[in-house]
């Protein structure tokens, strides 16, 4: 694995157990990907919806 920044390392530590949980429960990557996109967009709308 190439060197990554600390944020990438932290995300990987969070995502790896989550991936195991999803796999064990039959959640395909495509479904996970759509959920992540929706969460990302909703977070952006909440954080940056200040009228700028």
PDB file of N, CA and C in Angstrom:
ATOM      1  N   UNK A   1       0.842  -1.177   0.000  1.00  0.00           N
ATOM      2  CA  UNK A   1       0.000   0.000   0.000  1.00  0.00           C
ATOM      3  C   UNK A   1       0.887   1.241   0.000  1.00  0.00           C
ATOM      4  N   UNK A   2       0.565   2.180  -0.867  1.00  0.00           N
ATOM      5  CA  UNK A   2       1.387   3.387  -0.928  1.00  0.00           C
ATOM      6  C   UNK A   2       1.165   4.263   0.305  1.00  0.00           C
ATOM      7  N   UNK A   3       2.085   5.166   0.539  1.00  0.00           N
ATOM      8  CA  UNK A   3       1.944   6.080   1.664  1.00  0.00           C
ATOM      9  C   UNK A   3       0.735   6.975   1.437  1.00  0.00           C
ATOM     10  N   UNK A   4      -0.048   7.144   2.479  1.00  0.00           N
ATOM     11  CA  UNK A   4      -1.219   8.004   2.390  1.00  0.00           C
ATOM     12  C   UNK A   4      -1.183   9.012   3.516  1.00  0.00           C
ATOM     13  N   UNK A   5      -2.020  10.007   3.383  1.00  0.00           N
ATOM     14  CA  UNK A   5      -2.042  11.007   4.445  1.00  0.00           C
ATOM     15  C   UNK A   5      -2.815  10.469   5.650  1.00  0.00           C
ATOM     16  N   UNK A   6      -2.697  11.104   6.779  1.00  0.00           N
ATOM     17  CA  UNK A   6      -3.338  10.602   8.004  1.00  0.00           C
ATOM     18  C   UNK A   6      -4.856  10.464   7.892  1.00  0.00           C
ATOM     19  N   UNK A   7      -5.498  11.350   7.153  1.00  0.00           N
ATOM     20  CA  UNK A   7      -6.945  11.245   6.998  1.00  0.00           C
ATOM     21  C   UNK A   7      -7.308   9.975   6.241  1.00  0.00           C
ATOM     22  N   UNK A   8      -6.566   9.665   5.185  1.00  0.00           N
ATOM     23  CA  UNK A   8      -6.813   8.426   4.442  1.00  0.00           C
ATOM     24  C   UNK A   8      -6.611   7.207   5.334  1.00  0.00           C
ATOM     25  N   UNK A   9      -5.595   7.243   6.146  1.00  0.00           N
ATOM     26  CA  UNK A   9      -5.332   6.119   7.052  1.00  0.00           C
ATOM     27  C   UNK A   9      -6.480   5.949   8.042  1.00  0.00           C
ATOM     28  N   UNK A  10      -6.988   7.055   8.577  1.00  0.00           N
ATOM     29  CA  UNK A  10      -8.100   6.994   9.529  1.00  0.00           C
ATOM     30  C   UNK A  10      -9.365   6.472   8.848  1.00  0.00           C
ATOM     31  N   UNK A  11      -9.625   6.950   7.649  1.00  0.00           N
ATOM     32  CA  UNK A  11     -10.798   6.473   6.911  1.00  0.00           C
ATOM     33  C   UNK A  11     -10.710   4.978   6.636  1.00  0.00           C
ATOM     34  N   UNK A  12      -9.539   4.514   6.271  1.00  0.00           N
ATOM     35  CA  UNK A  12      -9.358   3.094   6.006  1.00  0.00           C
ATOM     36  C   UNK A  12      -9.646   2.271   7.256  1.00  0.00           C
ATOM     37  N   UNK A  13      -9.174   2.759   8.418  1.00  0.00           N
ATOM     38  CA  UNK A  13      -9.428   2.049   9.680  1.00  0.00           C
ATOM     39  C   UNK A  13     -10.920   1.986  10.000  1.00  0.00           C
ATOM     40  N   UNK A  14     -11.659   3.012   9.602  1.00  0.00           N
ATOM     41  CA  UNK A  14     -13.107   3.026   9.814  1.00  0.00           C
ATOM     42  C   UNK A  14     -13.821   2.143   8.793  1.00  0.00           C
ATOM     43  N   UNK A  15     -13.404   2.238   7.541  1.00  0.00           N
ATOM     44  CA  UNK A  15     -14.111   1.558   6.458  1.00  0.00           C
ATOM     45  C   UNK A  15     -13.902   0.054   6.414  1.00  0.00           C
ATOM     46  N   UNK A  16     -12.751  -0.407   6.810  1.00  0.00           N
ATOM     47  CA  UNK A  16     -12.489  -1.854   6.716  1.00  0.00           C
ATOM     48  C   UNK A  16     -13.461  -2.681   7.553  1.00  0.00           C
ATOM     49  N   UNK A  17     -13.674  -2.367   8.840  1.00  0.00           N
ATOM     50  CA  UNK A  17     -14.673  -3.135   9.593  1.00  0.00           C
ATOM     51  C   UNK A  17     -16.093  -2.935   9.047  1.00  0.00           C
ATOM     52  N   UNK A  18     -16.371  -1.735   8.541  1.00  0.00           N
ATOM     53  CA  UNK A  18     -17.686  -1.487   7.947  1.00  0.00           C
ATOM     54  C   UNK A  18     -17.883  -2.364   6.716  1.00  0.00           C
ATOM     55  N   UNK A  19     -16.850  -2.505   5.908  1.00  0.00           N
ATOM     56  CA  UNK A  19     -16.931  -3.369   4.727  1.00  0.00           C
ATOM     57  C   UNK A  19     -17.205  -4.811   5.137  1.00  0.00           C
ATOM     58  N   UNK A  20     -16.557  -5.271   6.173  1.00  0.00           N
ATOM     59  CA  UNK A  20     -16.808  -6.636   6.666  1.00  0.00           C
ATOM     60  C   UNK A  20     -18.268  -6.803   7.092  1.00  0.00           C
ATOM     61  N   UNK A  21     -18.790  -5.824   7.812  1.00  0.00           N
ATOM     62  CA  UNK A  21     -20.179  -5.865   8.260  1.00  0.00           C
ATOM     63  C   UNK A  21     -21.136  -5.908   7.063  1.00  0.00           C
ATOM     64  N   UNK A  22     -20.862  -5.076   6.069  1.00  0.00           N
ATOM     65  CA  UNK A  22     -21.710  -5.045   4.884  1.00  0.00           C
ATOM     66  C   UNK A  22     -21.662  -6.370   4.133  1.00  0.00           C
ATOM     67  N   UNK A  23     -20.472  -6.910   3.975  1.00  0.00           N
ATOM     68  CA  UNK A  23     -20.323  -8.189   3.266  1.00  0.00           C
ATOM     69  C   UNK A  23     -21.063  -9.310   3.986  1.00  0.00           C
ATOM     70  N   UNK A  24     -20.929  -9.349   5.293  1.00  0.00           N
ATOM     71  CA  UNK A  24     -21.596 -10.393   6.083  1.00  0.00           C
ATOM     72  C   UNK A  24     -23.117 -10.301   6.000  1.00  0.00           C
ATOM     73  N   UNK A  25     -23.612  -9.110   5.721  1.00  0.00           N
ATOM     74  CA  UNK A  25     -25.053  -8.899   5.662  1.00  0.00           C
ATOM     75  C   UNK A  25     -25.585  -8.793   4.234  1.00  0.00           C
ATOM     76  N   UNK A  26     -24.739  -9.148   3.265  1.00  0.00           N
ATOM     77  CA  UNK A  26     -25.187  -9.223   1.881  1.00  0.00           C
ATOM     78  C   UNK A  26     -25.443  -7.894   1.198  1.00  0.00           C
ATOM     79  N   UNK A  27     -24.836  -6.826   1.708  1.00  0.00           N
ATOM     80  CA  UNK A  27     -25.003  -5.515   1.083  1.00  0.00           C
ATOM     81  C   UNK A  27     -23.946  -5.385  -0.010  1.00  0.00           C
ATOM     82  N   UNK A  28     -24.370  -5.278  -1.265  1.00  0.00           N
ATOM     83  CA  UNK A  28     -23.391  -5.165  -2.353  1.00  0.00           C
ATOM     84  C   UNK A  28     -22.735  -3.782  -2.380  1.00  0.00           C
ATOM     85  N   UNK A  29     -21.575  -3.716  -3.024  1.00  0.00           N
ATOM     86  CA  UNK A  29     -20.830  -2.457  -3.084  1.00  0.00           C
ATOM     87  C   UNK A  29     -21.648  -1.340  -3.713  1.00  0.00           C
ATOM     88  N   UNK A  30     -22.392  -1.652  -4.761  1.00  0.00           N
ATOM     89  CA  UNK A  30     -23.194  -0.621  -5.430  1.00  0.00           C
ATOM     90  C   UNK A  30     -24.181   0.047  -4.495  1.00  0.00           C
ATOM     91  N   UNK A  31     -24.813  -0.742  -3.650  1.00  0.00           N
ATOM     92  CA  UNK A  31     -25.768  -0.194  -2.690  1.00  0.00           C
ATOM     93  C   UNK A  31     -25.049   0.673  -1.662  1.00  0.00           C
ATOM     94  N   UNK A  32     -23.915   0.197  -1.169  1.00  0.00           N
ATOM     95  CA  UNK A  32     -23.102   0.981  -0.235  1.00  0.00           C
ATOM     96  C   UNK A  32     -22.666   2.293  -0.872  1.00  0.00           C
ATOM     97  N   UNK A  33     -22.235   2.216  -2.116  1.00  0.00           N
ATOM     98  CA  UNK A  33     -21.776   3.399  -2.836  1.00  0.00           C
ATOM     99  C   UNK A  33     -22.886   4.446  -2.949  1.00  0.00           C
ATOM    100  N   UNK A  34     -24.092   4.000  -3.255  1.00  0.00           N
ATOM    101  CA  UNK A  34     -25.218   4.935  -3.352  1.00  0.00           C
ATOM    102  C   UNK A  34     -25.533   5.572  -2.007  1.00  0.00           C
ATOM    103  N   UNK A  35     -25.473   4.788  -0.934  1.00  0.00           N
ATOM    104  CA  UNK A  35     -25.714   5.333   0.401  1.00  0.00           C
ATOM    105  C   UNK A  35     -24.659   6.375   0.769  1.00  0.00           C
ATOM    106  N   UNK A  36     -23.402   6.080   0.449  1.00  0.00           N
ATOM    107  CA  UNK A  36     -22.316   7.025   0.745  1.00  0.00           C
ATOM    108  C   UNK A  36     -22.508   8.313  -0.049  1.00  0.00           C
ATOM    109  N   UNK A  37     -22.873   8.196  -1.311  1.00  0.00           N
ATOM    110  CA  UNK A  37     -23.108   9.400  -2.131  1.00  0.00           C
ATOM    111  C   UNK A  37     -24.211  10.253  -1.526  1.00  0.00           C
ATOM    112  N   UNK A  38     -25.298   9.605  -1.125  1.00  0.00           N
ATOM    113  CA  UNK A  38     -26.419  10.353  -0.551  1.00  0.00           C
ATOM    114  C   UNK A  38     -26.002  11.048   0.738  1.00  0.00           C
ATOM    115  N   UNK A  39     -25.264  10.345   1.588  1.00  0.00           N
ATOM    116  CA  UNK A  39     -24.801  10.945   2.847  1.00  0.00           C
ATOM    117  C   UNK A  39     -23.858  12.117   2.581  1.00  0.00           C
ATOM    118  N   UNK A  40     -22.987  11.964   1.593  1.00  0.00           N
ATOM    119  CA  UNK A  40     -22.023  13.011   1.246  1.00  0.00           C
ATOM    120  C   UNK A  40     -22.750  14.270   0.778  1.00  0.00           C
ATOM    121  N   UNK A  41     -23.739  14.077  -0.102  1.00  0.00           N
ATOM    122  CA  UNK A  41     -24.497  15.212  -0.633  1.00  0.00           C
ATOM    123  C   UNK A  41     -25.305  15.881   0.474  1.00  0.00           C
ATOM    124  N   UNK A  42     -25.967  15.083   1.314  1.00  0.00           N
ATOM    125  CA  UNK A  42     -26.755  15.668   2.404  1.00  0.00           C
ATOM    126  C   UNK A  42     -25.876  16.448   3.381  1.00  0.00           C
ATOM    127  N   UNK A  43     -24.701  15.918   3.685  1.00  0.00           N
ATOM    128  CA  UNK A  43     -23.775  16.626   4.571  1.00  0.00           C
ATOM    129  C   UNK A  43     -23.322  17.937   3.937  1.00  0.00           C
ATOM    130  N   UNK A  44     -23.027  17.888   2.650  1.00  0.00           N
ATOM    131  CA  UNK A  44     -22.596  19.119   1.951  1.00  0.00           C
ATOM    132  C   UNK A  44     -23.713  20.151   1.950  1.00  0.00           C
ATOM    133  N   UNK A  45     -24.929  19.718   1.692  1.00  0.00           N
ATOM    134  CA  UNK A  45     -26.049  20.658   1.689  1.00  0.00           C
ATOM    135  C   UNK A  45     -26.246  21.284   3.059  1.00  0.00           C
ATOM    136  N   UNK A  46     -26.128  20.503   4.111  1.00  0.00           N
ATOM    137  CA  UNK A  46     -26.279  21.037   5.458  1.00  0.00           C
ATOM    138  C   UNK A  46     -25.134  21.978   5.830  1.00  0.00           C
ATOM    139  N   UNK A  47     -23.918  21.603   5.482  1.00  0.00           N
ATOM    140  CA  UNK A  47     -22.752  22.377   5.901  1.00  0.00           C
ATOM    141  C   UNK A  47     -22.531  23.635   5.072  1.00  0.00           C
ATOM    142  N   UNK A  48     -22.976  23.620   3.828  1.00  0.00           N
ATOM    143  CA  UNK A  48     -22.686  24.746   2.932  1.00  0.00           C
ATOM    144  C   UNK A  48     -23.925  25.473   2.447  1.00  0.00           C
ATOM    145  N   UNK A  49     -25.057  25.246   3.066  1.00  0.00           N
ATOM    146  CA  UNK A  49     -26.309  25.884   2.661  1.00  0.00           C
ATOM    147  C   UNK A  49     -26.512  27.180   3.434  1.00  0.00           C
ATOM    148  N   UNK A  50     -25.501  28.023   3.448  1.00  0.00           N
ATOM    149  CA  UNK A  50     -25.607  29.287   4.200  1.00  0.00           C
ATOM    150  C   UNK A  50     -25.884  30.472   3.286  1.00  0.00           C
ATOM    151  N   UNK A  51     -26.303  30.205   2.049  1.00  0.00           N
ATOM    152  CA  UNK A  51     -26.678  31.277   1.138  1.00  0.00           C
ATOM    153  C   UNK A  51     -25.583  31.823   0.262  1.00  0.00           C
ATOM    154  N   UNK A  52     -24.409  31.221   0.314  1.00  0.00           N
ATOM    155  CA  UNK A  52     -23.322  31.729  -0.543  1.00  0.00           C
ATOM    156  C   UNK A  52     -23.491  31.287  -1.958  1.00  0.00           C
TER     157      UNK A  52
END
